[in-house]
N, C-alpha and C. Protein backbone atom coordinates (compact mmCIF):
# COMPACT_ATOMS: atom_id res chain seq x y z
N UNK A 1 -37.69 3.45 -17.90
CA UNK A 1 -36.80 2.32 -18.02
C UNK A 1 -36.99 1.44 -16.81
N UNK A 2 -37.16 0.16 -17.05
CA UNK A 2 -37.31 -0.78 -15.95
C UNK A 2 -35.96 -1.00 -15.30
N UNK A 3 -36.01 -1.50 -14.06
CA UNK A 3 -34.77 -1.76 -13.33
C UNK A 3 -33.92 -2.79 -14.06
N UNK A 4 -34.55 -3.82 -14.62
CA UNK A 4 -33.81 -4.87 -15.31
C UNK A 4 -33.14 -4.37 -16.59
N UNK A 5 -33.57 -3.26 -17.12
CA UNK A 5 -32.98 -2.71 -18.33
C UNK A 5 -31.89 -1.71 -18.00
N UNK A 6 -31.34 -1.80 -16.82
CA UNK A 6 -30.33 -0.84 -16.36
C UNK A 6 -28.99 -1.06 -17.02
N UNK A 7 -27.97 -0.67 -16.36
CA UNK A 7 -26.63 -0.67 -16.93
C UNK A 7 -26.09 -2.07 -17.21
N UNK A 8 -26.62 -3.10 -16.56
CA UNK A 8 -26.07 -4.44 -16.75
C UNK A 8 -26.62 -5.12 -18.00
N UNK A 9 -27.70 -4.64 -18.57
CA UNK A 9 -28.31 -5.28 -19.71
C UNK A 9 -28.26 -4.42 -20.96
N UNK A 10 -27.33 -3.52 -21.06
CA UNK A 10 -27.21 -2.68 -22.25
C UNK A 10 -26.78 -3.52 -23.44
N UNK A 11 -27.35 -3.21 -24.59
CA UNK A 11 -26.99 -3.95 -25.79
C UNK A 11 -25.97 -3.20 -26.63
N UNK A 12 -25.73 -1.96 -26.34
CA UNK A 12 -24.73 -1.21 -27.08
C UNK A 12 -24.00 -0.29 -26.10
N UNK A 13 -22.84 0.17 -26.52
CA UNK A 13 -22.02 1.06 -25.70
C UNK A 13 -22.58 2.46 -25.82
N UNK A 14 -23.02 3.04 -24.70
CA UNK A 14 -23.62 4.38 -24.72
C UNK A 14 -22.62 5.47 -24.33
N UNK A 15 -21.37 5.08 -24.10
CA UNK A 15 -20.38 6.10 -23.73
C UNK A 15 -20.02 6.94 -24.95
N UNK A 16 -19.69 8.17 -24.69
CA UNK A 16 -19.30 9.09 -25.76
C UNK A 16 -17.91 8.71 -26.25
N UNK A 17 -17.75 8.62 -27.55
CA UNK A 17 -16.44 8.30 -28.11
C UNK A 17 -15.83 9.56 -28.69
N UNK A 18 -14.54 9.67 -28.58
CA UNK A 18 -13.84 10.85 -29.06
C UNK A 18 -12.76 10.40 -30.05
N UNK A 19 -12.66 11.08 -31.15
CA UNK A 19 -11.65 10.77 -32.16
C UNK A 19 -10.31 11.28 -31.65
N UNK A 20 -9.31 10.38 -31.44
CA UNK A 20 -8.03 10.83 -30.89
C UNK A 20 -7.27 11.76 -31.83
N UNK A 21 -7.61 11.77 -33.13
CA UNK A 21 -6.93 12.65 -34.08
C UNK A 21 -7.52 14.04 -34.10
N UNK A 22 -8.70 14.22 -33.51
CA UNK A 22 -9.35 15.53 -33.51
C UNK A 22 -8.59 16.47 -32.59
N UNK A 23 -8.48 17.74 -33.00
CA UNK A 23 -7.78 18.70 -32.12
C UNK A 23 -8.57 18.90 -30.83
N UNK A 24 -7.82 18.97 -29.76
CA UNK A 24 -8.47 19.15 -28.46
C UNK A 24 -8.36 20.61 -28.05
N UNK A 25 -9.46 21.13 -27.61
CA UNK A 25 -9.45 22.52 -27.17
C UNK A 25 -9.14 22.55 -25.68
N UNK A 26 -8.40 23.55 -25.24
CA UNK A 26 -8.07 23.63 -23.82
C UNK A 26 -9.34 23.95 -23.03
N UNK A 27 -9.39 23.53 -21.76
CA UNK A 27 -10.57 23.83 -20.95
C UNK A 27 -10.70 25.34 -20.74
N UNK A 28 -11.93 25.82 -20.59
CA UNK A 28 -12.10 27.25 -20.40
C UNK A 28 -11.48 27.69 -19.08
N UNK A 29 -10.88 28.87 -19.05
CA UNK A 29 -10.25 29.33 -17.81
C UNK A 29 -11.31 29.57 -16.73
N UNK A 30 -11.01 29.09 -15.55
CA UNK A 30 -11.93 29.26 -14.43
C UNK A 30 -11.63 30.59 -13.73
N UNK A 31 -12.69 31.21 -13.26
CA UNK A 31 -12.52 32.45 -12.52
C UNK A 31 -11.93 32.12 -11.17
N UNK A 32 -10.84 32.74 -10.83
CA UNK A 32 -10.16 32.45 -9.58
C UNK A 32 -10.53 33.50 -8.54
N UNK A 33 -11.09 33.05 -7.39
CA UNK A 33 -11.42 34.02 -6.34
C UNK A 33 -10.17 34.64 -5.74
N UNK A 34 -9.02 33.99 -5.89
CA UNK A 34 -7.78 34.53 -5.33
C UNK A 34 -7.32 35.73 -6.14
N UNK A 35 -7.58 35.72 -7.45
CA UNK A 35 -7.13 36.81 -8.30
C UNK A 35 -7.80 38.13 -7.94
N UNK A 36 -9.01 38.08 -7.43
CA UNK A 36 -9.73 39.30 -7.09
C UNK A 36 -9.24 39.91 -5.78
N UNK A 37 -8.62 39.10 -4.93
CA UNK A 37 -8.16 39.60 -3.64
C UNK A 37 -6.84 40.35 -3.83
N UNK A 38 -6.63 41.43 -3.06
CA UNK A 38 -5.35 42.14 -3.17
C UNK A 38 -4.22 41.26 -2.64
N UNK A 39 -3.09 41.35 -3.28
CA UNK A 39 -1.93 40.54 -2.90
C UNK A 39 -1.12 41.28 -1.84
N UNK A 40 -0.81 40.54 -0.76
CA UNK A 40 0.04 41.10 0.29
C UNK A 40 1.35 40.35 0.29
N UNK A 41 2.45 41.03 0.49
CA UNK A 41 3.73 40.31 0.54
C UNK A 41 3.80 39.45 1.80
N UNK A 42 4.47 38.32 1.69
CA UNK A 42 4.64 37.43 2.84
C UNK A 42 5.62 38.07 3.81
N UNK A 43 5.39 37.88 5.12
CA UNK A 43 6.33 38.42 6.10
C UNK A 43 7.70 37.77 5.94
N UNK A 44 8.73 38.55 6.06
CA UNK A 44 10.10 38.09 5.86
C UNK A 44 10.55 37.17 6.99
N UNK A 45 9.96 37.28 8.18
CA UNK A 45 10.40 36.51 9.33
C UNK A 45 9.92 35.06 9.26
N UNK A 46 8.96 34.74 8.39
CA UNK A 46 8.40 33.39 8.34
C UNK A 46 9.01 32.64 7.15
N UNK A 47 9.98 31.75 7.37
CA UNK A 47 10.54 30.97 6.25
C UNK A 47 9.54 29.93 5.79
N UNK A 48 9.61 29.59 4.55
CA UNK A 48 8.70 28.58 4.00
C UNK A 48 9.07 27.22 4.57
N UNK A 49 8.07 26.43 4.93
CA UNK A 49 8.32 25.10 5.48
C UNK A 49 8.73 24.17 4.35
N UNK A 50 9.75 23.35 4.59
CA UNK A 50 10.15 22.41 3.54
C UNK A 50 9.08 21.36 3.33
N UNK A 51 8.92 20.93 2.09
CA UNK A 51 7.92 19.91 1.79
C UNK A 51 8.38 18.57 2.35
N UNK A 52 7.46 17.84 2.94
CA UNK A 52 7.79 16.54 3.50
C UNK A 52 8.03 15.55 2.37
N UNK A 53 9.06 14.73 2.47
CA UNK A 53 9.31 13.76 1.41
C UNK A 53 8.21 12.70 1.38
N UNK A 54 7.83 12.30 0.18
CA UNK A 54 6.81 11.28 0.02
C UNK A 54 7.43 9.91 0.31
N UNK A 55 6.66 8.99 0.89
CA UNK A 55 7.18 7.64 1.08
C UNK A 55 7.43 6.98 -0.27
N UNK A 56 8.40 6.08 -0.31
CA UNK A 56 8.76 5.43 -1.58
C UNK A 56 7.60 4.61 -2.14
N UNK A 57 6.74 4.09 -1.29
CA UNK A 57 5.63 3.27 -1.78
C UNK A 57 4.64 4.08 -2.60
N UNK A 58 4.64 5.40 -2.43
CA UNK A 58 3.68 6.25 -3.12
C UNK A 58 4.21 6.76 -4.46
N UNK A 59 5.42 6.36 -4.86
CA UNK A 59 6.03 6.90 -6.06
C UNK A 59 5.57 6.19 -7.33
N UNK A 60 4.33 5.81 -7.41
CA UNK A 60 3.82 5.20 -8.62
C UNK A 60 3.86 3.69 -8.58
N UNK A 61 4.30 3.10 -7.49
CA UNK A 61 4.30 1.65 -7.38
C UNK A 61 2.87 1.15 -7.19
N UNK A 62 2.65 -0.11 -7.50
CA UNK A 62 1.32 -0.68 -7.35
C UNK A 62 1.06 -1.00 -5.89
N UNK A 63 -0.15 -0.70 -5.45
CA UNK A 63 -0.52 -0.89 -4.05
C UNK A 63 -1.89 -1.54 -3.99
N UNK A 64 -2.01 -2.60 -3.20
CA UNK A 64 -3.28 -3.27 -2.99
C UNK A 64 -3.67 -3.08 -1.54
N UNK A 65 -4.86 -2.53 -1.32
CA UNK A 65 -5.36 -2.31 0.04
C UNK A 65 -6.56 -3.21 0.24
N UNK A 66 -6.46 -4.11 1.22
CA UNK A 66 -7.58 -4.96 1.60
C UNK A 66 -8.19 -4.29 2.82
N UNK A 67 -9.33 -3.63 2.62
CA UNK A 67 -9.94 -2.80 3.65
C UNK A 67 -10.52 -3.59 4.81
N UNK A 68 -10.95 -2.86 5.84
CA UNK A 68 -11.55 -3.51 7.00
C UNK A 68 -12.82 -4.27 6.58
N UNK A 69 -13.11 -5.35 7.25
CA UNK A 69 -14.28 -6.20 6.99
C UNK A 69 -14.21 -6.92 5.65
N UNK A 70 -13.05 -6.93 4.98
CA UNK A 70 -12.87 -7.65 3.73
C UNK A 70 -12.03 -8.90 4.02
N UNK A 71 -12.45 -10.03 3.45
CA UNK A 71 -11.67 -11.26 3.58
C UNK A 71 -11.29 -11.72 2.18
N UNK A 72 -10.00 -11.84 1.94
CA UNK A 72 -9.45 -12.27 0.66
C UNK A 72 -8.81 -13.62 0.92
N UNK A 73 -9.34 -14.68 0.29
CA UNK A 73 -8.92 -16.03 0.64
C UNK A 73 -8.51 -16.82 -0.60
N UNK A 74 -7.43 -17.59 -0.46
CA UNK A 74 -7.02 -18.53 -1.48
C UNK A 74 -6.50 -17.91 -2.75
N UNK A 75 -5.69 -16.87 -2.65
CA UNK A 75 -5.17 -16.20 -3.84
C UNK A 75 -3.65 -16.20 -3.84
N UNK A 76 -3.11 -15.91 -5.01
CA UNK A 76 -1.68 -15.68 -5.16
C UNK A 76 -1.52 -14.25 -5.63
N UNK A 77 -0.83 -13.43 -4.87
CA UNK A 77 -0.69 -12.01 -5.17
C UNK A 77 0.67 -11.78 -5.81
N UNK A 78 0.66 -11.29 -7.06
CA UNK A 78 1.89 -11.01 -7.80
C UNK A 78 1.88 -9.58 -8.30
N UNK A 79 3.04 -9.07 -8.66
CA UNK A 79 3.19 -7.74 -9.26
C UNK A 79 2.56 -6.64 -8.42
N UNK A 80 2.64 -6.78 -7.13
CA UNK A 80 2.11 -5.77 -6.20
C UNK A 80 3.30 -5.27 -5.40
N UNK A 81 3.56 -3.96 -5.46
CA UNK A 81 4.69 -3.42 -4.71
C UNK A 81 4.42 -3.41 -3.21
N UNK A 82 3.22 -2.99 -2.82
CA UNK A 82 2.87 -2.90 -1.40
C UNK A 82 1.49 -3.47 -1.17
N UNK A 83 1.38 -4.36 -0.20
CA UNK A 83 0.08 -4.89 0.22
C UNK A 83 -0.21 -4.31 1.59
N UNK A 84 -1.38 -3.67 1.72
CA UNK A 84 -1.83 -3.13 3.00
C UNK A 84 -3.02 -3.97 3.43
N UNK A 85 -2.91 -4.62 4.59
CA UNK A 85 -3.96 -5.51 5.08
C UNK A 85 -4.65 -4.86 6.27
N UNK A 86 -5.91 -4.47 6.05
CA UNK A 86 -6.74 -3.95 7.14
C UNK A 86 -7.82 -4.95 7.50
N UNK A 87 -8.07 -5.91 6.63
CA UNK A 87 -9.05 -6.97 6.86
C UNK A 87 -8.32 -8.28 7.11
N UNK A 88 -8.75 -9.34 6.41
CA UNK A 88 -8.12 -10.66 6.55
C UNK A 88 -7.73 -11.18 5.18
N UNK A 89 -6.50 -11.70 5.10
CA UNK A 89 -5.99 -12.24 3.84
C UNK A 89 -5.40 -13.62 4.11
N UNK A 90 -5.78 -14.60 3.27
CA UNK A 90 -5.16 -15.92 3.27
C UNK A 90 -4.60 -16.08 1.87
N UNK A 91 -3.27 -15.98 1.71
CA UNK A 91 -2.70 -15.94 0.37
C UNK A 91 -1.23 -16.30 0.38
N UNK A 92 -0.69 -16.37 -0.83
CA UNK A 92 0.75 -16.48 -1.08
C UNK A 92 1.15 -15.22 -1.83
N UNK A 93 2.24 -14.59 -1.43
CA UNK A 93 2.58 -13.31 -2.03
C UNK A 93 4.09 -13.13 -2.14
N UNK A 94 4.53 -12.59 -3.28
CA UNK A 94 5.90 -12.12 -3.47
C UNK A 94 5.77 -10.65 -3.82
N UNK A 95 6.37 -9.78 -3.00
CA UNK A 95 6.15 -8.35 -3.14
C UNK A 95 7.36 -7.60 -2.62
N UNK A 96 7.25 -6.26 -2.65
CA UNK A 96 8.30 -5.43 -2.09
C UNK A 96 8.04 -5.16 -0.61
N UNK A 97 6.75 -4.94 -0.24
CA UNK A 97 6.44 -4.60 1.15
C UNK A 97 5.06 -5.09 1.53
N UNK A 98 4.89 -5.42 2.80
CA UNK A 98 3.59 -5.75 3.35
C UNK A 98 3.42 -4.93 4.62
N UNK A 99 2.22 -4.38 4.79
CA UNK A 99 1.88 -3.63 5.99
C UNK A 99 0.58 -4.23 6.52
N UNK A 100 0.62 -4.74 7.73
CA UNK A 100 -0.57 -5.30 8.35
C UNK A 100 -1.02 -4.33 9.43
N UNK A 101 -2.23 -3.79 9.26
CA UNK A 101 -2.78 -2.81 10.21
C UNK A 101 -3.13 -3.50 11.53
N UNK A 102 -3.42 -2.70 12.54
CA UNK A 102 -3.66 -3.20 13.88
C UNK A 102 -4.76 -4.25 13.94
N UNK A 103 -5.82 -4.10 13.17
CA UNK A 103 -6.91 -5.07 13.18
C UNK A 103 -6.85 -6.01 11.98
N UNK A 104 -5.77 -5.95 11.22
CA UNK A 104 -5.60 -6.80 10.05
C UNK A 104 -4.95 -8.12 10.42
N UNK A 105 -5.15 -9.12 9.54
CA UNK A 105 -4.55 -10.44 9.76
C UNK A 105 -4.16 -11.04 8.42
N UNK A 106 -3.00 -11.65 8.36
CA UNK A 106 -2.52 -12.33 7.16
C UNK A 106 -2.14 -13.74 7.56
N UNK A 107 -2.59 -14.70 6.75
CA UNK A 107 -2.23 -16.09 6.96
C UNK A 107 -1.75 -16.63 5.63
N UNK A 108 -0.56 -17.22 5.62
CA UNK A 108 -0.04 -17.76 4.37
C UNK A 108 1.45 -17.61 4.28
N UNK A 109 1.92 -17.38 3.05
CA UNK A 109 3.36 -17.30 2.79
C UNK A 109 3.67 -15.98 2.09
N UNK A 110 4.65 -15.25 2.62
CA UNK A 110 5.07 -13.99 1.99
C UNK A 110 6.58 -13.97 1.82
N UNK A 111 7.00 -13.33 0.73
CA UNK A 111 8.41 -13.11 0.44
C UNK A 111 8.52 -11.64 0.06
N UNK A 112 9.03 -10.80 0.97
CA UNK A 112 9.05 -9.36 0.79
C UNK A 112 10.40 -8.78 1.16
N UNK A 113 10.62 -7.51 0.79
CA UNK A 113 11.80 -6.79 1.26
C UNK A 113 11.57 -6.27 2.68
N UNK A 114 10.40 -5.64 2.90
CA UNK A 114 10.09 -5.01 4.19
C UNK A 114 8.72 -5.46 4.66
N UNK A 115 8.63 -5.87 5.92
CA UNK A 115 7.35 -6.25 6.52
C UNK A 115 7.14 -5.39 7.76
N UNK A 116 5.98 -4.77 7.83
CA UNK A 116 5.63 -3.93 8.98
C UNK A 116 4.33 -4.47 9.56
N UNK A 117 4.40 -5.03 10.78
CA UNK A 117 3.29 -5.77 11.36
C UNK A 117 2.74 -5.04 12.58
N UNK A 118 1.50 -4.61 12.49
CA UNK A 118 0.78 -4.05 13.64
C UNK A 118 -0.34 -4.99 14.08
N UNK A 119 -0.74 -5.89 13.21
CA UNK A 119 -1.81 -6.84 13.48
C UNK A 119 -1.23 -8.23 13.67
N UNK A 120 -1.84 -9.23 12.97
CA UNK A 120 -1.43 -10.62 13.15
C UNK A 120 -0.92 -11.22 11.85
N UNK A 121 0.17 -11.95 11.94
CA UNK A 121 0.70 -12.72 10.81
C UNK A 121 0.90 -14.14 11.29
N UNK A 122 0.46 -15.10 10.46
CA UNK A 122 0.68 -16.50 10.77
C UNK A 122 1.06 -17.21 9.49
N UNK A 123 2.16 -17.93 9.51
CA UNK A 123 2.58 -18.65 8.32
C UNK A 123 4.07 -18.59 8.13
N UNK A 124 4.47 -18.45 6.86
CA UNK A 124 5.88 -18.43 6.50
C UNK A 124 6.23 -17.07 5.91
N UNK A 125 7.20 -16.39 6.52
CA UNK A 125 7.58 -15.05 6.07
C UNK A 125 9.07 -14.96 5.86
N UNK A 126 9.44 -14.34 4.72
CA UNK A 126 10.82 -13.97 4.49
C UNK A 126 10.84 -12.47 4.25
N UNK A 127 11.42 -11.71 5.18
CA UNK A 127 11.58 -10.26 5.05
C UNK A 127 13.07 -10.03 4.78
N UNK A 128 13.41 -9.88 3.51
CA UNK A 128 14.82 -9.85 3.10
C UNK A 128 15.60 -8.69 3.72
N UNK A 129 14.99 -7.53 3.84
CA UNK A 129 15.71 -6.38 4.41
C UNK A 129 15.35 -6.14 5.87
N UNK A 130 14.04 -5.96 6.14
CA UNK A 130 13.68 -5.55 7.50
C UNK A 130 12.31 -6.07 7.89
N UNK A 131 12.20 -6.50 9.13
CA UNK A 131 10.94 -6.91 9.75
C UNK A 131 10.72 -6.02 10.95
N UNK A 132 9.58 -5.31 10.96
CA UNK A 132 9.24 -4.43 12.08
C UNK A 132 7.95 -4.97 12.70
N UNK A 133 8.01 -5.29 13.99
CA UNK A 133 6.82 -5.75 14.72
C UNK A 133 6.51 -4.68 15.75
N UNK A 134 5.38 -4.02 15.55
CA UNK A 134 4.97 -2.94 16.47
C UNK A 134 4.39 -3.55 17.75
N UNK A 135 4.09 -2.70 18.73
CA UNK A 135 3.63 -3.15 20.04
C UNK A 135 2.37 -4.01 19.96
N UNK A 136 1.50 -3.75 18.99
CA UNK A 136 0.26 -4.52 18.86
C UNK A 136 0.42 -5.72 17.93
N UNK A 137 1.62 -5.93 17.36
CA UNK A 137 1.84 -6.98 16.37
C UNK A 137 2.08 -8.35 16.98
N UNK A 138 1.58 -9.37 16.28
CA UNK A 138 1.78 -10.77 16.68
C UNK A 138 2.19 -11.56 15.43
N UNK A 139 3.35 -12.19 15.50
CA UNK A 139 3.89 -12.94 14.37
C UNK A 139 4.18 -14.36 14.83
N UNK A 140 3.72 -15.34 14.04
CA UNK A 140 4.02 -16.73 14.39
C UNK A 140 4.22 -17.54 13.12
N UNK A 141 5.09 -18.55 13.20
CA UNK A 141 5.37 -19.41 12.07
C UNK A 141 6.86 -19.48 11.80
N UNK A 142 7.19 -19.73 10.53
CA UNK A 142 8.59 -19.78 10.11
C UNK A 142 8.96 -18.41 9.58
N UNK A 143 9.81 -17.70 10.32
CA UNK A 143 10.14 -16.31 10.02
C UNK A 143 11.63 -16.17 9.76
N UNK A 144 11.97 -15.55 8.62
CA UNK A 144 13.36 -15.23 8.28
C UNK A 144 13.42 -13.75 7.99
N UNK A 145 14.50 -13.09 8.43
CA UNK A 145 14.60 -11.64 8.30
C UNK A 145 16.04 -11.21 8.08
N UNK A 146 16.19 -10.03 7.45
CA UNK A 146 17.51 -9.42 7.30
C UNK A 146 17.87 -8.67 8.58
N UNK A 147 17.05 -7.69 8.92
CA UNK A 147 17.16 -6.96 10.18
C UNK A 147 15.79 -6.99 10.83
N UNK A 148 15.75 -6.85 12.15
CA UNK A 148 14.48 -6.94 12.84
C UNK A 148 14.40 -5.90 13.95
N UNK A 149 13.19 -5.35 14.11
CA UNK A 149 12.90 -4.43 15.21
C UNK A 149 11.58 -4.88 15.82
N UNK A 150 11.59 -5.16 17.12
CA UNK A 150 10.38 -5.55 17.83
C UNK A 150 10.16 -4.53 18.93
N UNK A 151 9.05 -3.82 18.86
CA UNK A 151 8.73 -2.85 19.91
C UNK A 151 8.24 -3.59 21.15
N UNK A 152 8.35 -2.92 22.29
CA UNK A 152 7.89 -3.50 23.54
C UNK A 152 6.41 -3.83 23.43
N UNK A 153 6.06 -5.07 23.71
CA UNK A 153 4.67 -5.52 23.58
C UNK A 153 4.45 -6.37 22.35
N UNK A 154 5.31 -6.24 21.35
CA UNK A 154 5.20 -7.07 20.15
C UNK A 154 5.54 -8.51 20.48
N UNK A 155 4.87 -9.44 19.79
CA UNK A 155 5.06 -10.86 20.08
C UNK A 155 5.49 -11.61 18.84
N UNK A 156 6.38 -12.59 19.01
CA UNK A 156 6.76 -13.48 17.92
C UNK A 156 7.03 -14.85 18.48
N UNK A 157 6.63 -15.87 17.69
CA UNK A 157 6.86 -17.24 18.13
C UNK A 157 7.02 -18.13 16.90
N UNK A 158 7.68 -19.27 17.10
CA UNK A 158 7.87 -20.20 16.01
C UNK A 158 9.33 -20.39 15.68
N UNK A 159 9.60 -20.73 14.42
CA UNK A 159 10.96 -20.94 13.92
C UNK A 159 11.45 -19.61 13.37
N UNK A 160 12.27 -18.90 14.17
CA UNK A 160 12.67 -17.54 13.83
C UNK A 160 14.18 -17.50 13.66
N UNK A 161 14.64 -16.88 12.55
CA UNK A 161 16.07 -16.80 12.34
C UNK A 161 16.45 -15.72 11.35
N UNK A 162 17.69 -15.26 11.47
CA UNK A 162 18.22 -14.24 10.57
C UNK A 162 18.65 -14.89 9.26
N UNK A 163 18.50 -14.14 8.18
CA UNK A 163 18.98 -14.60 6.88
C UNK A 163 20.50 -14.53 6.86
N UNK A 164 21.11 -15.38 6.09
CA UNK A 164 22.56 -15.32 5.90
C UNK A 164 22.90 -14.04 5.15
N UNK A 165 24.01 -13.38 5.46
CA UNK A 165 24.35 -12.11 4.80
C UNK A 165 24.40 -12.19 3.29
N UNK A 166 24.80 -13.31 2.68
CA UNK A 166 24.88 -13.39 1.23
C UNK A 166 23.50 -13.45 0.57
N UNK A 167 22.44 -13.81 1.33
CA UNK A 167 21.10 -13.87 0.74
C UNK A 167 20.37 -12.53 0.83
N UNK A 168 20.95 -11.57 1.56
CA UNK A 168 20.34 -10.25 1.66
C UNK A 168 20.72 -9.41 0.45
N UNK A 169 19.82 -8.54 -0.01
CA UNK A 169 20.15 -7.68 -1.17
C UNK A 169 21.22 -6.66 -0.79
N UNK A 170 22.02 -6.20 -1.76
CA UNK A 170 23.05 -5.20 -1.45
C UNK A 170 22.41 -3.88 -1.05
N UNK A 171 23.10 -3.16 -0.18
CA UNK A 171 22.59 -1.85 0.25
C UNK A 171 22.74 -0.84 -0.88
N UNK A 172 21.77 0.09 -0.94
CA UNK A 172 21.94 1.10 -1.96
C UNK A 172 20.75 1.79 -2.26
């Protein structure tokens, strides 16, 4: 097969199709190496460690990650629960949360519940519930927030102000 006749120039679908009405057989049982080992009771003095709670952003919400060395320019981001910026983004966004990594940069307009800034933000931001600026974070522009935390070393400049209490979402 020539290179030009590769996957991009296929004239028919070569994927295997399966009839959804056909009965499905369970996968064959795998041999478990643990089953062959003798079982020892756990020591009574060692309590089981409680499982760490998962962050709310991981509970099936949509997440967009713009990786390092990626530049996303001139877009409108909708229906995204969490935007993680490790590269550079120039956009307009309405979301639940934005996280800008230490080497990430966002330029544009955002309307979010929670903003966590370790890198650079420039533009217009509304963080309805909370704005967190870490020590390496730099924020500039028109900034509105419900609550704010700025770590020592974090920088902010521009038109900065708290949201009126009636415009903040109810706690719960």
